[in-house]
């Protein structure tokens, strides 16, 4: 069940597009966690990732790392890119797989490829990865992945997002892509956690 009002456990997600970030100001503004982009496909690396993840932890934020999954790239090669560059540590949130669009020339066995990628992540880090997607994409392509924690993107003024087919609930909700937070110049994605601070702590990697 979603938390309400003052009880919300809020966070942001960032990448190179946010430029230089003051994570201490984000923490002081009441944010609890931050997801940081690390990699994309088989060769993409966010140039600000190493700096951002270290600074987020230093500011006392709960940190998470995400990979943008390219549906036209080999899953094992994508995992290799993530494993090489991602700095995932005990105390972090589980790694996130951002899958939201079909690339041109997508591989025919999307579900099998994604299962392979998720399994490699789970074996490497000992925790079930989080899946990030929009409602419509998830309804069309991800109906068989309801065992994974869901971070759903839906920009609405409703008190809770729609839950895609295959899931019974959501874990994180990206409710805005145009938020403003001290410490970040310009717009940033805003997120809510579906639970208490103690429940967020329980989700962290042991």
N, C-alpha and C. Protein backbone atom coordinates (compact mmCIF):
# COMPACT_ATOMS: atom_id res chain seq x y z
N UNK A 1 0.84 -1.19 0.00
CA UNK A 1 0.00 0.00 0.00
C UNK A 1 0.88 1.24 0.00
N UNK A 2 0.50 2.23 -0.77
CA UNK A 2 1.32 3.43 -0.88
C UNK A 2 1.29 4.23 0.42
N UNK A 3 2.42 4.84 0.70
CA UNK A 3 2.44 5.77 1.82
C UNK A 3 1.79 7.07 1.39
N UNK A 4 1.51 7.92 2.34
CA UNK A 4 0.84 9.17 1.97
C UNK A 4 1.56 10.37 2.57
N UNK A 5 1.48 11.48 1.84
CA UNK A 5 1.90 12.78 2.35
C UNK A 5 3.25 12.78 3.01
N UNK A 6 3.26 13.19 4.28
CA UNK A 6 4.51 13.42 4.99
C UNK A 6 5.32 12.15 5.17
N UNK A 7 4.67 10.99 5.05
CA UNK A 7 5.38 9.74 5.26
C UNK A 7 6.13 9.24 4.05
N UNK A 8 6.05 9.95 2.93
CA UNK A 8 6.65 9.45 1.71
C UNK A 8 8.17 9.36 1.81
N UNK A 9 8.70 8.26 1.31
CA UNK A 9 10.15 8.08 1.22
C UNK A 9 10.54 8.42 -0.22
N UNK A 10 11.12 9.58 -0.38
CA UNK A 10 11.33 10.12 -1.72
C UNK A 10 12.79 10.06 -2.14
N UNK A 11 12.99 10.06 -3.45
CA UNK A 11 14.32 10.07 -4.01
C UNK A 11 14.31 10.65 -5.41
N UNK A 12 15.49 10.62 -6.04
CA UNK A 12 15.65 11.11 -7.40
C UNK A 12 16.49 10.10 -8.18
N UNK A 13 16.47 10.23 -9.50
CA UNK A 13 17.41 9.46 -10.32
C UNK A 13 18.12 10.41 -11.26
N UNK A 14 19.44 10.16 -11.42
CA UNK A 14 20.29 11.13 -12.11
C UNK A 14 21.21 10.43 -13.11
N UNK A 15 21.70 11.25 -14.04
CA UNK A 15 22.69 10.80 -15.02
C UNK A 15 23.53 12.01 -15.41
N UNK A 16 24.32 11.87 -16.45
CA UNK A 16 25.18 12.97 -16.89
C UNK A 16 24.38 14.24 -17.23
N UNK A 17 23.11 14.06 -17.56
CA UNK A 17 22.30 15.20 -17.99
C UNK A 17 22.02 16.19 -16.86
N UNK A 18 22.23 15.78 -15.62
CA UNK A 18 22.05 16.70 -14.49
C UNK A 18 23.29 17.54 -14.22
N UNK A 19 24.39 17.25 -14.90
CA UNK A 19 25.60 18.03 -14.69
C UNK A 19 26.17 17.83 -13.29
N UNK A 20 26.81 18.85 -12.76
CA UNK A 20 27.40 18.76 -11.44
C UNK A 20 26.30 18.84 -10.38
N UNK A 21 26.31 17.88 -9.46
CA UNK A 21 25.24 17.73 -8.48
C UNK A 21 25.81 17.92 -7.08
N UNK A 22 25.06 18.65 -6.23
CA UNK A 22 25.42 18.78 -4.82
C UNK A 22 24.54 17.81 -4.03
N UNK A 23 25.06 16.62 -3.76
CA UNK A 23 24.26 15.58 -3.13
C UNK A 23 23.93 15.91 -1.68
N UNK A 24 24.78 16.69 -1.02
CA UNK A 24 24.47 17.10 0.35
C UNK A 24 23.20 17.94 0.40
N UNK A 25 23.00 18.79 -0.61
CA UNK A 25 21.78 19.60 -0.67
C UNK A 25 20.56 18.72 -0.96
N UNK A 26 20.75 17.69 -1.79
CA UNK A 26 19.65 16.76 -2.05
C UNK A 26 19.23 16.07 -0.76
N UNK A 27 20.20 15.62 0.00
CA UNK A 27 19.92 14.97 1.28
C UNK A 27 19.23 15.94 2.24
N UNK A 28 19.72 17.17 2.31
CA UNK A 28 19.14 18.17 3.22
C UNK A 28 17.71 18.53 2.83
N UNK A 29 17.39 18.37 1.54
CA UNK A 29 16.05 18.68 1.06
C UNK A 29 15.04 17.58 1.37
N UNK A 30 15.51 16.48 1.99
CA UNK A 30 14.59 15.43 2.40
C UNK A 30 14.59 14.20 1.53
N UNK A 31 15.47 14.16 0.54
CA UNK A 31 15.56 12.96 -0.28
C UNK A 31 16.29 11.86 0.51
N UNK A 32 15.85 10.62 0.33
CA UNK A 32 16.42 9.49 1.06
C UNK A 32 17.38 8.68 0.20
N UNK A 33 17.09 8.58 -1.10
CA UNK A 33 17.87 7.70 -1.98
C UNK A 33 18.05 8.34 -3.34
N UNK A 34 19.01 7.81 -4.09
CA UNK A 34 19.25 8.27 -5.45
C UNK A 34 19.67 7.09 -6.31
N UNK A 35 19.09 7.00 -7.48
CA UNK A 35 19.53 6.03 -8.48
C UNK A 35 20.42 6.76 -9.49
N UNK A 36 21.57 6.14 -9.80
CA UNK A 36 22.57 6.77 -10.66
C UNK A 36 22.81 5.89 -11.88
N UNK A 37 22.77 6.50 -13.06
CA UNK A 37 23.02 5.73 -14.29
C UNK A 37 24.50 5.39 -14.39
N UNK A 38 24.78 4.11 -14.71
CA UNK A 38 26.15 3.66 -14.90
C UNK A 38 26.45 3.37 -16.36
N UNK A 39 25.61 2.54 -16.99
CA UNK A 39 25.94 2.01 -18.30
C UNK A 39 24.72 1.92 -19.20
N UNK A 40 25.00 1.72 -20.49
CA UNK A 40 23.94 1.57 -21.49
C UNK A 40 24.43 0.62 -22.57
N UNK A 41 23.64 -0.41 -22.86
CA UNK A 41 24.01 -1.34 -23.91
C UNK A 41 25.34 -2.03 -23.61
N UNK A 42 26.11 -2.28 -24.67
CA UNK A 42 27.35 -3.04 -24.50
C UNK A 42 28.59 -2.16 -24.38
N UNK A 43 28.47 -0.87 -24.71
CA UNK A 43 29.65 0.01 -24.65
C UNK A 43 29.41 1.32 -23.92
N UNK A 44 28.16 1.71 -23.70
CA UNK A 44 27.88 3.01 -23.12
C UNK A 44 28.23 3.07 -21.64
N UNK A 45 28.91 4.14 -21.24
CA UNK A 45 29.24 4.40 -19.84
C UNK A 45 28.94 5.86 -19.55
N UNK A 46 28.17 6.13 -18.49
CA UNK A 46 27.89 7.50 -18.11
C UNK A 46 29.16 8.12 -17.54
N UNK A 47 29.65 9.21 -18.11
CA UNK A 47 30.93 9.76 -17.68
C UNK A 47 30.93 10.31 -16.26
N UNK A 48 29.75 10.60 -15.73
CA UNK A 48 29.64 11.15 -14.38
C UNK A 48 29.34 10.08 -13.33
N UNK A 49 29.21 8.83 -13.75
CA UNK A 49 28.75 7.80 -12.81
C UNK A 49 29.65 7.65 -11.59
N UNK A 50 30.93 7.43 -11.81
CA UNK A 50 31.83 7.15 -10.69
C UNK A 50 31.80 8.29 -9.68
N UNK A 51 31.82 9.51 -10.17
CA UNK A 51 31.76 10.68 -9.28
C UNK A 51 30.42 10.75 -8.56
N UNK A 52 29.34 10.53 -9.29
CA UNK A 52 28.01 10.66 -8.70
C UNK A 52 27.75 9.61 -7.63
N UNK A 53 28.11 8.36 -7.89
CA UNK A 53 27.78 7.31 -6.92
C UNK A 53 28.59 7.51 -5.64
N UNK A 54 29.85 7.91 -5.78
CA UNK A 54 30.68 8.15 -4.59
C UNK A 54 30.16 9.34 -3.79
N UNK A 55 29.77 10.40 -4.49
CA UNK A 55 29.28 11.60 -3.80
C UNK A 55 27.93 11.35 -3.14
N UNK A 56 27.09 10.53 -3.77
CA UNK A 56 25.79 10.21 -3.18
C UNK A 56 25.98 9.47 -1.86
N UNK A 57 26.86 8.49 -1.86
CA UNK A 57 27.12 7.74 -0.62
C UNK A 57 27.73 8.66 0.44
N UNK A 58 28.66 9.50 0.04
CA UNK A 58 29.33 10.40 0.99
C UNK A 58 28.33 11.35 1.65
N UNK A 59 27.26 11.69 0.93
CA UNK A 59 26.24 12.60 1.47
C UNK A 59 25.24 11.89 2.38
N UNK A 60 25.36 10.56 2.46
CA UNK A 60 24.45 9.81 3.32
C UNK A 60 23.17 9.36 2.64
N UNK A 61 23.13 9.46 1.33
CA UNK A 61 21.97 8.97 0.59
C UNK A 61 22.13 7.47 0.34
N UNK A 62 21.01 6.76 0.31
CA UNK A 62 21.02 5.36 -0.12
C UNK A 62 21.18 5.37 -1.63
N UNK A 63 22.18 4.67 -2.13
CA UNK A 63 22.54 4.75 -3.55
C UNK A 63 22.11 3.49 -4.29
N UNK A 64 21.72 3.67 -5.52
CA UNK A 64 21.43 2.56 -6.42
C UNK A 64 22.02 2.85 -7.79
N UNK A 65 22.34 1.81 -8.53
CA UNK A 65 22.98 1.92 -9.84
C UNK A 65 22.08 1.31 -10.90
N UNK A 66 21.95 2.00 -12.06
CA UNK A 66 21.11 1.41 -13.10
C UNK A 66 21.81 1.31 -14.45
N UNK A 67 21.34 0.34 -15.21
CA UNK A 67 21.80 0.06 -16.57
C UNK A 67 20.65 0.27 -17.53
N UNK A 68 20.87 1.03 -18.59
CA UNK A 68 19.87 1.19 -19.64
C UNK A 68 20.03 0.05 -20.63
N UNK A 69 19.01 -0.80 -20.67
CA UNK A 69 19.07 -2.04 -21.46
C UNK A 69 18.70 -1.75 -22.91
N UNK A 70 19.59 -2.13 -23.81
CA UNK A 70 19.34 -1.98 -25.25
C UNK A 70 18.84 -3.30 -25.81
N UNK A 71 17.64 -3.28 -26.38
CA UNK A 71 17.01 -4.53 -26.81
C UNK A 71 17.63 -5.12 -28.06
N UNK A 72 18.55 -4.41 -28.69
CA UNK A 72 19.24 -4.95 -29.87
C UNK A 72 20.65 -5.43 -29.55
N UNK A 73 21.02 -5.45 -28.26
CA UNK A 73 22.37 -5.87 -27.87
C UNK A 73 22.33 -7.18 -27.09
N UNK A 74 23.40 -7.95 -27.21
CA UNK A 74 23.53 -9.23 -26.53
C UNK A 74 23.50 -9.04 -25.01
N UNK A 75 22.69 -9.82 -24.29
CA UNK A 75 22.58 -9.62 -22.85
C UNK A 75 23.85 -9.89 -22.07
N UNK A 76 24.61 -10.90 -22.48
CA UNK A 76 25.86 -11.19 -21.76
C UNK A 76 26.88 -10.09 -21.96
N UNK A 77 26.92 -9.52 -23.16
CA UNK A 77 27.84 -8.40 -23.42
C UNK A 77 27.40 -7.17 -22.63
N UNK A 78 26.10 -6.96 -22.50
CA UNK A 78 25.61 -5.84 -21.69
C UNK A 78 25.97 -6.04 -20.22
N UNK A 79 25.84 -7.28 -19.75
CA UNK A 79 26.21 -7.55 -18.36
C UNK A 79 27.70 -7.29 -18.16
N UNK A 80 28.52 -7.67 -19.12
CA UNK A 80 29.95 -7.42 -19.01
C UNK A 80 30.27 -5.94 -18.88
N UNK A 81 29.54 -5.12 -19.63
CA UNK A 81 29.73 -3.67 -19.56
C UNK A 81 29.35 -3.15 -18.17
N UNK A 82 28.22 -3.63 -17.68
CA UNK A 82 27.77 -3.20 -16.36
C UNK A 82 28.74 -3.65 -15.27
N UNK A 83 29.14 -4.91 -15.32
CA UNK A 83 30.01 -5.45 -14.28
C UNK A 83 31.35 -4.73 -14.24
N UNK A 84 31.83 -4.33 -15.41
CA UNK A 84 33.12 -3.65 -15.47
C UNK A 84 33.07 -2.26 -14.84
N UNK A 85 31.95 -1.56 -15.02
CA UNK A 85 31.91 -0.15 -14.64
C UNK A 85 31.06 0.15 -13.41
N UNK A 86 30.11 -0.72 -13.09
CA UNK A 86 29.21 -0.44 -11.98
C UNK A 86 29.91 -0.67 -10.63
N UNK A 87 29.69 0.24 -9.72
CA UNK A 87 30.24 0.14 -8.36
C UNK A 87 29.07 -0.14 -7.42
N UNK A 88 28.73 -1.40 -7.30
CA UNK A 88 27.58 -1.83 -6.49
C UNK A 88 28.13 -2.44 -5.20
N UNK A 89 27.71 -1.90 -4.06
CA UNK A 89 28.28 -2.31 -2.78
C UNK A 89 27.20 -2.70 -1.79
N UNK A 90 27.56 -3.47 -0.75
CA UNK A 90 26.62 -3.71 0.35
C UNK A 90 26.13 -2.37 0.91
N UNK A 91 24.84 -2.32 1.21
CA UNK A 91 24.23 -1.07 1.65
C UNK A 91 23.52 -0.33 0.54
N UNK A 92 23.86 -0.67 -0.72
CA UNK A 92 23.19 -0.06 -1.86
C UNK A 92 21.82 -0.70 -2.09
N UNK A 93 21.01 -0.04 -2.88
CA UNK A 93 19.80 -0.66 -3.41
C UNK A 93 20.19 -1.66 -4.50
N UNK A 94 19.34 -2.64 -4.77
CA UNK A 94 19.66 -3.60 -5.83
C UNK A 94 19.89 -2.91 -7.17
N UNK A 95 20.71 -3.49 -8.04
CA UNK A 95 20.90 -2.90 -9.36
C UNK A 95 19.58 -2.86 -10.13
N UNK A 96 19.48 -1.86 -10.99
CA UNK A 96 18.25 -1.63 -11.75
C UNK A 96 18.51 -1.84 -13.23
N UNK A 97 17.54 -2.48 -13.89
CA UNK A 97 17.55 -2.61 -15.35
C UNK A 97 16.45 -1.71 -15.90
N UNK A 98 16.85 -0.68 -16.61
CA UNK A 98 15.94 0.28 -17.24
C UNK A 98 15.65 -0.23 -18.65
N UNK A 99 14.44 -0.73 -18.86
CA UNK A 99 14.04 -1.21 -20.18
C UNK A 99 12.71 -0.54 -20.53
N UNK A 100 12.73 0.35 -21.51
CA UNK A 100 11.56 1.17 -21.76
C UNK A 100 11.24 1.39 -23.22
N UNK A 101 12.19 1.05 -24.13
CA UNK A 101 11.94 1.24 -25.56
C UNK A 101 12.50 0.05 -26.32
N UNK A 102 11.92 -0.20 -27.50
CA UNK A 102 12.48 -1.19 -28.42
C UNK A 102 13.41 -0.49 -29.37
N UNK A 103 14.66 -0.92 -29.40
CA UNK A 103 15.63 -0.35 -30.33
C UNK A 103 15.38 -0.90 -31.73
N UNK A 104 15.80 -0.14 -32.73
CA UNK A 104 15.72 -0.64 -34.10
C UNK A 104 16.61 -1.88 -34.21
N UNK A 105 16.09 -2.90 -34.85
CA UNK A 105 16.85 -4.14 -34.98
C UNK A 105 16.89 -4.95 -33.71
N UNK A 106 15.84 -4.83 -32.89
CA UNK A 106 15.81 -5.57 -31.63
C UNK A 106 15.93 -7.06 -31.85
N UNK A 107 16.59 -7.73 -30.93
CA UNK A 107 16.74 -9.17 -31.00
C UNK A 107 15.37 -9.83 -30.81
N UNK A 108 15.14 -10.98 -31.48
CA UNK A 108 13.79 -11.56 -31.50
C UNK A 108 13.34 -12.15 -30.18
N UNK A 109 14.27 -12.56 -29.33
CA UNK A 109 13.90 -13.23 -28.08
C UNK A 109 14.09 -12.30 -26.90
N UNK A 110 13.34 -11.20 -26.91
CA UNK A 110 13.52 -10.17 -25.88
C UNK A 110 13.36 -10.74 -24.48
N UNK A 111 12.32 -11.51 -24.25
CA UNK A 111 12.07 -12.03 -22.90
C UNK A 111 13.20 -12.95 -22.44
N UNK A 112 13.65 -13.84 -23.31
CA UNK A 112 14.73 -14.75 -22.95
C UNK A 112 16.02 -13.98 -22.68
N UNK A 113 16.31 -12.99 -23.52
CA UNK A 113 17.50 -12.17 -23.33
C UNK A 113 17.45 -11.44 -21.99
N UNK A 114 16.30 -10.86 -21.69
CA UNK A 114 16.17 -10.10 -20.45
C UNK A 114 16.29 -11.02 -19.24
N UNK A 115 15.71 -12.20 -19.32
CA UNK A 115 15.86 -13.17 -18.21
C UNK A 115 17.33 -13.52 -18.00
N UNK A 116 18.06 -13.69 -19.08
CA UNK A 116 19.48 -14.00 -18.97
C UNK A 116 20.23 -12.86 -18.29
N UNK A 117 19.95 -11.64 -18.68
CA UNK A 117 20.62 -10.48 -18.10
C UNK A 117 20.29 -10.36 -16.62
N UNK A 118 19.03 -10.51 -16.27
CA UNK A 118 18.62 -10.42 -14.87
C UNK A 118 19.25 -11.52 -14.03
N UNK A 119 19.33 -12.73 -14.60
CA UNK A 119 19.92 -13.84 -13.87
C UNK A 119 21.41 -13.60 -13.61
N UNK A 120 22.09 -13.03 -14.58
CA UNK A 120 23.52 -12.73 -14.39
C UNK A 120 23.71 -11.67 -13.31
N UNK A 121 22.85 -10.67 -13.29
CA UNK A 121 22.92 -9.67 -12.23
C UNK A 121 22.68 -10.30 -10.86
N UNK A 122 21.65 -11.15 -10.77
CA UNK A 122 21.31 -11.76 -9.48
C UNK A 122 22.43 -12.65 -8.98
N UNK A 123 23.06 -13.38 -9.89
CA UNK A 123 24.16 -14.24 -9.49
C UNK A 123 25.36 -13.41 -9.02
N UNK A 124 25.61 -12.30 -9.70
CA UNK A 124 26.78 -11.49 -9.37
C UNK A 124 26.63 -10.75 -8.06
N UNK A 125 25.41 -10.28 -7.76
CA UNK A 125 25.23 -9.40 -6.60
C UNK A 125 24.40 -10.01 -5.49
N UNK A 126 23.87 -11.20 -5.72
CA UNK A 126 23.17 -11.91 -4.65
C UNK A 126 21.85 -11.30 -4.25
N UNK A 127 21.24 -10.56 -5.15
CA UNK A 127 19.97 -9.89 -4.85
C UNK A 127 19.16 -9.80 -6.14
N UNK A 128 17.85 -9.82 -6.01
CA UNK A 128 16.99 -9.75 -7.19
C UNK A 128 17.00 -8.32 -7.73
N UNK A 129 17.35 -8.12 -9.00
CA UNK A 129 17.39 -6.77 -9.56
C UNK A 129 16.00 -6.14 -9.63
N UNK A 130 15.99 -4.83 -9.75
CA UNK A 130 14.77 -4.05 -9.92
C UNK A 130 14.58 -3.80 -11.41
N UNK A 131 13.34 -3.90 -11.88
CA UNK A 131 13.02 -3.57 -13.28
C UNK A 131 12.34 -2.21 -13.34
N UNK A 132 12.87 -1.34 -14.19
CA UNK A 132 12.26 -0.03 -14.44
C UNK A 132 11.63 -0.03 -15.82
N UNK A 133 10.38 0.44 -15.92
CA UNK A 133 9.74 0.56 -17.22
C UNK A 133 8.49 1.42 -17.10
N UNK A 134 7.97 1.82 -18.24
CA UNK A 134 6.68 2.48 -18.29
C UNK A 134 5.56 1.46 -18.33
N UNK A 135 4.36 1.91 -18.02
CA UNK A 135 3.22 1.00 -17.93
C UNK A 135 2.92 0.33 -19.27
N UNK A 136 2.88 1.11 -20.34
CA UNK A 136 2.49 0.53 -21.64
C UNK A 136 3.53 -0.45 -22.14
N UNK A 137 4.82 -0.11 -21.99
CA UNK A 137 5.88 -1.03 -22.43
C UNK A 137 5.83 -2.30 -21.61
N UNK A 138 5.67 -2.16 -20.30
CA UNK A 138 5.61 -3.35 -19.43
C UNK A 138 4.42 -4.23 -19.77
N UNK A 139 3.29 -3.62 -20.06
CA UNK A 139 2.10 -4.41 -20.41
C UNK A 139 2.30 -5.19 -21.70
N UNK A 140 3.10 -4.65 -22.59
CA UNK A 140 3.28 -5.32 -23.88
C UNK A 140 4.40 -6.36 -23.86
N UNK A 141 5.47 -6.08 -23.11
CA UNK A 141 6.67 -6.91 -23.24
C UNK A 141 7.14 -7.57 -21.95
N UNK A 142 6.64 -7.16 -20.80
CA UNK A 142 7.22 -7.62 -19.54
C UNK A 142 6.23 -8.35 -18.64
N UNK A 143 5.18 -8.92 -19.21
CA UNK A 143 4.14 -9.53 -18.37
C UNK A 143 4.64 -10.73 -17.59
N UNK A 144 5.74 -11.33 -18.00
CA UNK A 144 6.25 -12.51 -17.30
C UNK A 144 7.32 -12.22 -16.26
N UNK A 145 7.44 -10.95 -15.85
CA UNK A 145 8.55 -10.57 -14.97
C UNK A 145 8.08 -10.05 -13.62
N UNK A 146 6.88 -10.44 -13.23
CA UNK A 146 6.30 -9.92 -12.00
C UNK A 146 7.00 -10.33 -10.72
N UNK A 147 7.95 -11.27 -10.80
CA UNK A 147 8.69 -11.67 -9.60
C UNK A 147 9.76 -10.64 -9.22
N UNK A 148 10.06 -9.72 -10.14
CA UNK A 148 11.08 -8.72 -9.87
C UNK A 148 10.45 -7.45 -9.30
N UNK A 149 11.11 -6.80 -8.37
CA UNK A 149 10.60 -5.52 -7.87
C UNK A 149 10.43 -4.54 -9.04
N UNK A 150 9.35 -3.79 -9.01
CA UNK A 150 8.99 -2.91 -10.12
C UNK A 150 9.21 -1.45 -9.75
N UNK A 151 9.93 -0.75 -10.62
CA UNK A 151 10.04 0.71 -10.55
C UNK A 151 9.32 1.21 -11.79
N UNK A 152 8.15 1.77 -11.61
CA UNK A 152 7.28 2.11 -12.72
C UNK A 152 7.31 3.61 -12.97
N UNK A 153 7.37 3.97 -14.25
CA UNK A 153 7.31 5.37 -14.66
C UNK A 153 5.89 5.68 -15.11
N UNK A 154 5.25 6.60 -14.42
CA UNK A 154 3.94 7.08 -14.85
C UNK A 154 3.75 8.48 -14.28
N UNK A 155 3.58 9.44 -15.18
CA UNK A 155 3.50 10.83 -14.76
C UNK A 155 2.02 11.22 -14.66
N UNK A 156 1.55 11.23 -13.43
CA UNK A 156 0.14 11.45 -13.17
C UNK A 156 -0.03 12.11 -11.82
N UNK A 157 -1.14 12.78 -11.65
CA UNK A 157 -1.45 13.39 -10.35
C UNK A 157 -2.21 12.42 -9.45
N UNK A 158 -2.44 11.21 -9.94
CA UNK A 158 -3.13 10.20 -9.12
C UNK A 158 -2.28 9.87 -7.89
N UNK A 159 -2.91 9.35 -6.83
CA UNK A 159 -2.16 9.04 -5.61
C UNK A 159 -1.24 7.84 -5.74
N UNK A 160 -1.42 7.06 -6.79
CA UNK A 160 -0.56 5.90 -7.02
C UNK A 160 -0.57 5.59 -8.51
N UNK A 161 0.47 4.93 -9.01
CA UNK A 161 0.52 4.61 -10.44
C UNK A 161 -0.30 3.37 -10.76
N UNK A 162 -0.59 3.20 -12.05
CA UNK A 162 -1.14 1.93 -12.51
C UNK A 162 -0.07 0.85 -12.35
N UNK A 163 -0.50 -0.35 -12.08
CA UNK A 163 0.42 -1.47 -11.96
C UNK A 163 0.31 -2.33 -13.21
N UNK A 164 1.40 -2.55 -13.94
CA UNK A 164 1.32 -3.31 -15.18
C UNK A 164 0.91 -4.77 -14.94
N UNK A 165 0.43 -5.39 -15.98
CA UNK A 165 0.05 -6.80 -15.92
C UNK A 165 1.25 -7.65 -15.50
N UNK A 166 1.00 -8.56 -14.57
CA UNK A 166 2.05 -9.44 -14.10
C UNK A 166 2.57 -9.08 -12.73
N UNK A 167 2.35 -7.83 -12.32
CA UNK A 167 2.77 -7.39 -10.98
C UNK A 167 1.54 -7.18 -10.10
N UNK A 168 1.72 -7.43 -8.81
CA UNK A 168 0.64 -7.16 -7.86
C UNK A 168 0.79 -5.80 -7.20
N UNK A 169 2.01 -5.24 -7.26
CA UNK A 169 2.26 -3.94 -6.64
C UNK A 169 3.48 -3.31 -7.27
N UNK A 170 3.76 -2.08 -6.89
CA UNK A 170 4.96 -1.38 -7.33
C UNK A 170 5.86 -1.14 -6.13
N UNK A 171 7.17 -1.04 -6.41
CA UNK A 171 8.15 -0.79 -5.35
C UNK A 171 8.64 0.65 -5.38
N UNK A 172 8.98 1.14 -6.56
CA UNK A 172 9.30 2.56 -6.75
C UNK A 172 8.41 3.12 -7.84
N UNK A 173 8.15 4.42 -7.76
CA UNK A 173 7.31 5.10 -8.74
C UNK A 173 8.00 6.39 -9.16
N UNK A 174 8.38 6.46 -10.42
CA UNK A 174 8.88 7.72 -10.98
C UNK A 174 7.65 8.52 -11.41
N UNK A 175 7.30 9.49 -10.59
CA UNK A 175 6.02 10.18 -10.79
C UNK A 175 6.17 11.50 -11.54
N UNK A 176 7.40 11.97 -11.74
CA UNK A 176 7.62 13.21 -12.48
C UNK A 176 8.98 13.16 -13.14
N UNK A 177 9.06 13.75 -14.33
CA UNK A 177 10.35 13.91 -14.99
C UNK A 177 10.76 15.38 -15.04
N UNK A 178 10.04 16.20 -14.33
CA UNK A 178 10.31 17.65 -14.36
C UNK A 178 10.32 18.25 -12.96
N UNK A 179 10.82 17.48 -12.00
CA UNK A 179 10.90 17.97 -10.64
C UNK A 179 12.07 18.93 -10.44
N UNK A 180 12.03 19.66 -9.33
CA UNK A 180 13.15 20.51 -8.96
C UNK A 180 13.55 20.19 -7.53
N UNK A 181 14.86 20.07 -7.31
CA UNK A 181 15.41 19.72 -6.01
C UNK A 181 16.66 20.56 -5.78
N UNK A 182 16.83 21.13 -4.60
CA UNK A 182 18.08 21.83 -4.31
C UNK A 182 19.28 20.91 -4.55
N UNK A 183 20.32 21.48 -5.16
CA UNK A 183 21.51 20.70 -5.46
C UNK A 183 21.60 20.25 -6.90
N UNK A 184 20.48 20.39 -7.64
CA UNK A 184 20.46 20.01 -9.05
C UNK A 184 19.95 21.19 -9.86
N UNK A 185 20.69 21.58 -10.89
CA UNK A 185 20.25 22.65 -11.78
C UNK A 185 19.34 22.06 -12.85
N UNK A 186 18.15 22.62 -12.98
CA UNK A 186 17.23 22.14 -13.99
C UNK A 186 16.36 21.00 -13.48
N UNK A 187 15.69 20.36 -14.42
CA UNK A 187 14.71 19.33 -14.08
C UNK A 187 15.38 18.02 -13.72
N UNK A 188 14.69 17.26 -12.86
CA UNK A 188 15.18 15.94 -12.46
C UNK A 188 13.99 15.01 -12.26
N UNK A 189 14.21 13.72 -12.47
CA UNK A 189 13.17 12.72 -12.22
C UNK A 189 12.96 12.57 -10.72
N UNK A 190 11.68 12.51 -10.32
CA UNK A 190 11.31 12.37 -8.91
C UNK A 190 10.68 11.00 -8.68
N UNK A 191 11.02 10.39 -7.55
CA UNK A 191 10.58 9.02 -7.27
C UNK A 191 10.03 8.88 -5.86
N UNK A 192 9.11 7.94 -5.71
CA UNK A 192 8.58 7.56 -4.40
C UNK A 192 8.81 6.08 -4.19
N UNK A 193 9.07 5.73 -2.94
CA UNK A 193 9.18 4.34 -2.53
C UNK A 193 7.87 3.91 -1.90
N UNK A 194 7.43 2.72 -2.22
CA UNK A 194 6.14 2.21 -1.73
C UNK A 194 6.35 1.50 -0.38
N UNK A 195 6.60 2.28 0.65
CA UNK A 195 6.82 1.70 1.96
C UNK A 195 7.48 2.70 2.89
N UNK A 196 7.95 2.21 4.00
CA UNK A 196 8.57 3.04 5.03
C UNK A 196 10.09 3.08 4.85
N UNK A 197 10.72 3.95 5.61
CA UNK A 197 12.18 4.01 5.58
C UNK A 197 12.78 2.68 6.02
N UNK A 198 12.16 2.04 7.01
CA UNK A 198 12.65 0.73 7.46
C UNK A 198 12.52 -0.31 6.36
N UNK A 199 11.44 -0.24 5.60
CA UNK A 199 11.27 -1.19 4.49
C UNK A 199 12.27 -0.92 3.37
N UNK A 200 12.62 0.34 3.16
CA UNK A 200 13.67 0.65 2.19
C UNK A 200 14.99 0.07 2.65
N UNK A 201 15.30 0.21 3.93
CA UNK A 201 16.54 -0.35 4.46
C UNK A 201 16.59 -1.87 4.25
N UNK A 202 15.43 -2.52 4.39
CA UNK A 202 15.38 -3.98 4.24
C UNK A 202 15.64 -4.41 2.80
N UNK A 203 15.44 -3.50 1.85
CA UNK A 203 15.66 -3.80 0.44
C UNK A 203 17.14 -3.72 0.06
N UNK A 204 17.95 -3.07 0.89
CA UNK A 204 19.35 -2.83 0.55
C UNK A 204 20.16 -4.13 0.54
N UNK A 205 21.24 -4.13 -0.23
CA UNK A 205 22.08 -5.30 -0.36
C UNK A 205 22.82 -5.54 0.97
N UNK A 206 22.78 -6.77 1.43
CA UNK A 206 23.41 -7.10 2.72
C UNK A 206 24.93 -7.17 2.58
